[in-house]
Amino acid sequence: MSVGNAGISGDTTGGMLARLSGAVPEGTKIVILQIAGNDAMKGMSLANAQANRAEIRKRLHSRGIRTIEADGYVLSALRGGLRQPDGIHMTVEGHRRVAQQIASLIR
């Protein structure tokens, strides 16, 4: 199994949607979605963000790709104090915890 990161820092759901087919190659079995809050920070309405999220999931599922939503795991780590001094991003330990939680879903 190989793993790739197609995330782009600061990306929005609109950006993700626009590059989805190129960012997720044929043969992909699982996509871990961690969408975060860039839409709101860039002024996108909640309705548009939710529609984009739904469309991303729909397109992946139509290709037979399983999606795992990581937002809840990330929020839990952040709320658990695993936050960098910038107040936004997780610490190394936070990333480790989220990776372990997601890995347990895949095995």
N, C-alpha and C. Protein backbone atom coordinates (compact mmCIF):
# COMPACT_ATOMS: atom_id res chain seq x y z
N MET A 1 0.85 -1.17 0.00
CA MET A 1 0.00 0.00 0.00
C MET A 1 0.90 1.23 0.00
N SER A 2 0.53 2.22 -0.77
CA SER A 2 1.24 3.50 -0.72
C SER A 2 0.25 4.60 -0.34
N VAL A 3 0.79 5.65 0.27
CA VAL A 3 -0.02 6.77 0.73
C VAL A 3 0.55 8.03 0.14
N GLY A 4 -0.34 8.91 -0.34
CA GLY A 4 0.09 10.20 -0.86
C GLY A 4 -0.71 11.32 -0.23
N ASN A 5 -0.10 12.47 -0.15
CA ASN A 5 -0.77 13.64 0.40
C ASN A 5 -1.07 14.60 -0.74
N ALA A 6 -2.35 14.81 -1.01
CA ALA A 6 -2.75 15.73 -2.08
C ALA A 6 -3.26 17.05 -1.51
N GLY A 7 -3.08 17.24 -0.21
CA GLY A 7 -3.55 18.46 0.43
C GLY A 7 -2.70 19.66 0.06
N ILE A 8 -3.34 20.82 0.02
CA ILE A 8 -2.66 22.08 -0.23
C ILE A 8 -3.04 23.03 0.91
N SER A 9 -2.04 23.53 1.58
CA SER A 9 -2.28 24.44 2.69
C SER A 9 -3.11 25.64 2.24
N GLY A 10 -4.15 25.94 3.00
CA GLY A 10 -5.00 27.08 2.69
C GLY A 10 -6.08 26.81 1.65
N ASP A 11 -6.14 25.59 1.15
CA ASP A 11 -7.11 25.25 0.10
C ASP A 11 -8.54 25.33 0.64
N THR A 12 -9.46 25.57 -0.26
CA THR A 12 -10.89 25.61 0.07
C THR A 12 -11.57 24.40 -0.56
N THR A 13 -12.82 24.18 -0.20
CA THR A 13 -13.56 23.07 -0.80
C THR A 13 -13.72 23.29 -2.31
N GLY A 14 -13.85 24.55 -2.73
CA GLY A 14 -13.93 24.84 -4.16
C GLY A 14 -12.66 24.44 -4.88
N GLY A 15 -11.52 24.75 -4.28
CA GLY A 15 -10.24 24.36 -4.86
C GLY A 15 -10.07 22.85 -4.89
N MET A 16 -10.48 22.21 -3.81
CA MET A 16 -10.40 20.75 -3.74
C MET A 16 -11.27 20.12 -4.84
N LEU A 17 -12.44 20.64 -4.97
CA LEU A 17 -13.37 20.11 -5.97
C LEU A 17 -12.83 20.29 -7.38
N ALA A 18 -12.24 21.45 -7.64
CA ALA A 18 -11.71 21.75 -8.98
C ALA A 18 -10.56 20.82 -9.37
N ARG A 19 -9.77 20.38 -8.42
CA ARG A 19 -8.61 19.55 -8.76
C ARG A 19 -8.78 18.09 -8.36
N LEU A 20 -9.98 17.71 -7.94
CA LEU A 20 -10.23 16.38 -7.40
C LEU A 20 -9.83 15.26 -8.36
N SER A 21 -10.25 15.32 -9.60
CA SER A 21 -9.97 14.21 -10.51
C SER A 21 -8.47 14.05 -10.75
N GLY A 22 -7.73 15.14 -10.80
CA GLY A 22 -6.29 15.04 -10.98
C GLY A 22 -5.53 14.69 -9.72
N ALA A 23 -6.08 15.04 -8.58
CA ALA A 23 -5.39 14.81 -7.31
C ALA A 23 -5.60 13.40 -6.77
N VAL A 24 -6.64 12.73 -7.26
CA VAL A 24 -6.94 11.38 -6.78
C VAL A 24 -6.83 10.42 -7.97
N PRO A 25 -5.69 9.75 -8.09
CA PRO A 25 -5.45 8.91 -9.26
C PRO A 25 -6.35 7.67 -9.32
N GLU A 26 -6.48 7.15 -10.52
CA GLU A 26 -7.21 5.89 -10.70
C GLU A 26 -6.58 4.82 -9.82
N GLY A 27 -7.40 3.95 -9.30
CA GLY A 27 -6.92 2.88 -8.45
C GLY A 27 -6.92 3.24 -6.97
N THR A 28 -7.21 4.49 -6.64
CA THR A 28 -7.27 4.90 -5.24
C THR A 28 -8.40 4.16 -4.55
N LYS A 29 -8.13 3.64 -3.37
CA LYS A 29 -9.12 2.88 -2.61
C LYS A 29 -9.77 3.70 -1.50
N ILE A 30 -8.97 4.56 -0.85
CA ILE A 30 -9.43 5.33 0.30
C ILE A 30 -8.90 6.75 0.19
N VAL A 31 -9.76 7.72 0.51
CA VAL A 31 -9.33 9.11 0.63
C VAL A 31 -9.68 9.58 2.04
N ILE A 32 -8.70 10.16 2.70
CA ILE A 32 -8.91 10.74 4.02
C ILE A 32 -9.14 12.23 3.81
N LEU A 33 -10.34 12.68 4.13
CA LEU A 33 -10.69 14.08 3.95
C LEU A 33 -10.51 14.84 5.27
N GLN A 34 -9.75 15.91 5.21
CA GLN A 34 -9.61 16.80 6.36
C GLN A 34 -9.72 18.20 5.79
N ILE A 35 -10.94 18.70 5.79
CA ILE A 35 -11.25 19.92 5.05
C ILE A 35 -11.01 21.18 5.85
N ALA A 36 -11.19 21.13 7.14
CA ALA A 36 -10.89 22.27 8.03
C ALA A 36 -11.76 23.48 7.74
N GLY A 37 -11.26 24.68 8.04
CA GLY A 37 -12.10 25.87 8.03
C GLY A 37 -11.68 26.97 7.08
N ASN A 38 -10.95 26.63 6.03
CA ASN A 38 -10.49 27.68 5.12
C ASN A 38 -11.63 28.37 4.37
N ASP A 39 -12.72 27.65 4.11
CA ASP A 39 -13.86 28.27 3.42
C ASP A 39 -14.37 29.48 4.20
N ALA A 40 -14.61 29.28 5.48
CA ALA A 40 -15.14 30.37 6.31
C ALA A 40 -14.14 31.51 6.41
N MET A 41 -12.86 31.17 6.54
CA MET A 41 -11.83 32.21 6.64
C MET A 41 -11.73 33.04 5.36
N LYS A 42 -12.14 32.44 4.25
CA LYS A 42 -12.06 33.14 2.96
C LYS A 42 -13.42 33.66 2.50
N GLY A 43 -14.41 33.65 3.41
CA GLY A 43 -15.69 34.28 3.14
C GLY A 43 -16.72 33.45 2.42
N MET A 44 -16.49 32.15 2.26
CA MET A 44 -17.47 31.30 1.59
C MET A 44 -18.62 31.01 2.54
N SER A 45 -19.83 31.00 2.02
CA SER A 45 -20.99 30.71 2.85
C SER A 45 -20.97 29.25 3.30
N LEU A 46 -21.59 29.00 4.43
CA LEU A 46 -21.68 27.65 4.95
C LEU A 46 -22.42 26.74 3.97
N ALA A 47 -23.46 27.26 3.33
CA ALA A 47 -24.23 26.46 2.37
C ALA A 47 -23.36 26.03 1.20
N ASN A 48 -22.55 26.93 0.66
CA ASN A 48 -21.66 26.58 -0.45
C ASN A 48 -20.61 25.57 -0.01
N ALA A 49 -20.06 25.77 1.17
CA ALA A 49 -19.05 24.84 1.68
C ALA A 49 -19.64 23.45 1.85
N GLN A 50 -20.85 23.37 2.41
CA GLN A 50 -21.50 22.07 2.60
C GLN A 50 -21.81 21.42 1.26
N ALA A 51 -22.24 22.21 0.28
CA ALA A 51 -22.52 21.66 -1.05
C ALA A 51 -21.25 21.12 -1.69
N ASN A 52 -20.15 21.84 -1.54
CA ASN A 52 -18.88 21.37 -2.09
C ASN A 52 -18.43 20.09 -1.41
N ARG A 53 -18.56 20.02 -0.09
CA ARG A 53 -18.20 18.81 0.65
C ARG A 53 -19.01 17.62 0.14
N ALA A 54 -20.31 17.83 -0.02
CA ALA A 54 -21.19 16.76 -0.49
C ALA A 54 -20.79 16.31 -1.90
N GLU A 55 -20.45 17.26 -2.75
CA GLU A 55 -20.04 16.93 -4.12
C GLU A 55 -18.71 16.18 -4.14
N ILE A 56 -17.78 16.56 -3.29
CA ILE A 56 -16.50 15.85 -3.20
C ILE A 56 -16.76 14.39 -2.83
N ARG A 57 -17.56 14.18 -1.77
CA ARG A 57 -17.87 12.81 -1.35
C ARG A 57 -18.58 12.04 -2.47
N LYS A 58 -19.55 12.68 -3.12
CA LYS A 58 -20.32 12.04 -4.19
C LYS A 58 -19.40 11.57 -5.32
N ARG A 59 -18.49 12.44 -5.74
CA ARG A 59 -17.58 12.08 -6.84
C ARG A 59 -16.65 10.94 -6.46
N LEU A 60 -16.15 10.98 -5.24
CA LEU A 60 -15.26 9.90 -4.80
C LEU A 60 -16.03 8.60 -4.68
N HIS A 61 -17.20 8.64 -4.08
CA HIS A 61 -18.01 7.42 -3.91
C HIS A 61 -18.43 6.85 -5.25
N SER A 62 -18.71 7.72 -6.23
CA SER A 62 -19.11 7.23 -7.55
C SER A 62 -17.97 6.47 -8.23
N ARG A 63 -16.75 6.71 -7.78
CA ARG A 63 -15.58 5.99 -8.30
C ARG A 63 -15.24 4.79 -7.42
N GLY A 64 -16.09 4.50 -6.44
CA GLY A 64 -15.86 3.36 -5.57
C GLY A 64 -14.79 3.62 -4.51
N ILE A 65 -14.52 4.87 -4.22
CA ILE A 65 -13.49 5.23 -3.26
C ILE A 65 -14.13 5.48 -1.90
N ARG A 66 -13.62 4.80 -0.91
CA ARG A 66 -14.08 4.99 0.47
C ARG A 66 -13.51 6.31 1.00
N THR A 67 -14.33 7.05 1.72
CA THR A 67 -13.84 8.29 2.32
C THR A 67 -13.87 8.15 3.85
N ILE A 68 -12.85 8.70 4.46
CA ILE A 68 -12.78 8.78 5.92
C ILE A 68 -12.66 10.25 6.25
N GLU A 69 -13.59 10.75 7.06
CA GLU A 69 -13.59 12.15 7.45
C GLU A 69 -12.70 12.32 8.68
N ALA A 70 -11.67 13.13 8.57
CA ALA A 70 -10.70 13.29 9.65
C ALA A 70 -10.96 14.52 10.52
N ASP A 71 -11.89 15.38 10.13
CA ASP A 71 -12.11 16.63 10.86
C ASP A 71 -12.36 16.40 12.35
N GLY A 72 -13.19 15.42 12.69
CA GLY A 72 -13.51 15.16 14.09
C GLY A 72 -12.30 14.73 14.89
N TYR A 73 -11.44 13.92 14.29
CA TYR A 73 -10.23 13.48 14.97
C TYR A 73 -9.28 14.66 15.21
N VAL A 74 -9.18 15.50 14.21
CA VAL A 74 -8.31 16.68 14.33
C VAL A 74 -8.84 17.62 15.41
N LEU A 75 -10.14 17.88 15.38
CA LEU A 75 -10.72 18.76 16.40
C LEU A 75 -10.52 18.20 17.81
N SER A 76 -10.66 16.89 17.95
CA SER A 76 -10.46 16.26 19.24
C SER A 76 -9.02 16.46 19.73
N ALA A 77 -8.07 16.30 18.84
CA ALA A 77 -6.66 16.49 19.21
C ALA A 77 -6.41 17.95 19.60
N LEU A 78 -6.96 18.86 18.82
CA LEU A 78 -6.77 20.29 19.13
C LEU A 78 -7.39 20.64 20.48
N ARG A 79 -8.60 20.15 20.70
CA ARG A 79 -9.27 20.42 21.98
C ARG A 79 -8.57 19.74 23.15
N GLY A 80 -7.82 18.68 22.84
CA GLY A 80 -7.07 17.96 23.86
C GLY A 80 -5.72 18.59 24.17
N GLY A 81 -5.48 19.77 23.61
CA GLY A 81 -4.25 20.49 23.93
C GLY A 81 -3.09 20.22 22.99
N LEU A 82 -3.32 19.48 21.93
CA LEU A 82 -2.25 19.15 20.99
C LEU A 82 -2.21 20.18 19.86
N ARG A 83 -2.06 21.43 20.27
CA ARG A 83 -2.11 22.57 19.36
C ARG A 83 -0.77 23.31 19.42
N GLN A 84 -0.29 23.70 18.25
CA GLN A 84 0.95 24.49 18.19
C GLN A 84 0.71 25.89 18.74
N PRO A 85 1.80 26.62 19.03
CA PRO A 85 1.65 27.97 19.56
C PRO A 85 0.87 28.93 18.65
N ASP A 86 0.75 28.61 17.35
CA ASP A 86 -0.03 29.49 16.46
C ASP A 86 -1.52 29.42 16.75
N GLY A 87 -1.93 28.47 17.59
CA GLY A 87 -3.33 28.34 17.97
C GLY A 87 -4.21 27.68 16.93
N ILE A 88 -3.63 27.26 15.81
CA ILE A 88 -4.41 26.71 14.71
C ILE A 88 -4.04 25.26 14.41
N HIS A 89 -2.77 24.99 14.28
CA HIS A 89 -2.31 23.69 13.78
C HIS A 89 -1.95 22.74 14.91
N MET A 90 -2.01 21.44 14.58
CA MET A 90 -1.69 20.40 15.56
C MET A 90 -0.17 20.28 15.75
N THR A 91 0.18 19.78 16.92
CA THR A 91 1.57 19.42 17.19
C THR A 91 1.90 18.10 16.51
N VAL A 92 3.17 17.73 16.56
CA VAL A 92 3.58 16.42 16.03
C VAL A 92 2.80 15.31 16.73
N GLU A 93 2.66 15.41 18.04
CA GLU A 93 1.92 14.40 18.78
C GLU A 93 0.45 14.36 18.34
N GLY A 94 -0.12 15.50 18.04
CA GLY A 94 -1.49 15.54 17.54
C GLY A 94 -1.62 14.80 16.22
N HIS A 95 -0.68 15.04 15.32
CA HIS A 95 -0.69 14.32 14.03
C HIS A 95 -0.52 12.83 14.24
N ARG A 96 0.36 12.46 15.17
CA ARG A 96 0.58 11.04 15.46
C ARG A 96 -0.72 10.40 15.98
N ARG A 97 -1.39 11.08 16.87
CA ARG A 97 -2.63 10.53 17.44
C ARG A 97 -3.70 10.35 16.36
N VAL A 98 -3.88 11.37 15.52
CA VAL A 98 -4.88 11.29 14.45
C VAL A 98 -4.52 10.17 13.47
N ALA A 99 -3.25 10.06 13.11
CA ALA A 99 -2.81 8.99 12.20
C ALA A 99 -3.11 7.62 12.78
N GLN A 100 -2.84 7.44 14.07
CA GLN A 100 -3.12 6.14 14.70
C GLN A 100 -4.62 5.84 14.71
N GLN A 101 -5.43 6.85 14.98
CA GLN A 101 -6.88 6.64 15.01
C GLN A 101 -7.40 6.27 13.63
N ILE A 102 -6.91 6.95 12.62
CA ILE A 102 -7.38 6.67 11.26
C ILE A 102 -6.86 5.32 10.79
N ALA A 103 -5.62 5.01 11.12
CA ALA A 103 -5.04 3.71 10.73
C ALA A 103 -5.87 2.56 11.31
N SER A 104 -6.41 2.74 12.51
CA SER A 104 -7.20 1.67 13.12
C SER A 104 -8.50 1.44 12.35
N LEU A 105 -8.96 2.44 11.62
CA LEU A 105 -10.18 2.28 10.81
C LEU A 105 -9.91 1.53 9.51
N ILE A 106 -8.68 1.56 9.06
CA ILE A 106 -8.33 0.99 7.77
C ILE A 106 -7.94 -0.48 7.90
N ARG A 107 -7.41 -0.85 8.99
CA ARG A 107 -6.90 -2.24 9.16
C ARG A 107 -8.00 -3.24 9.24
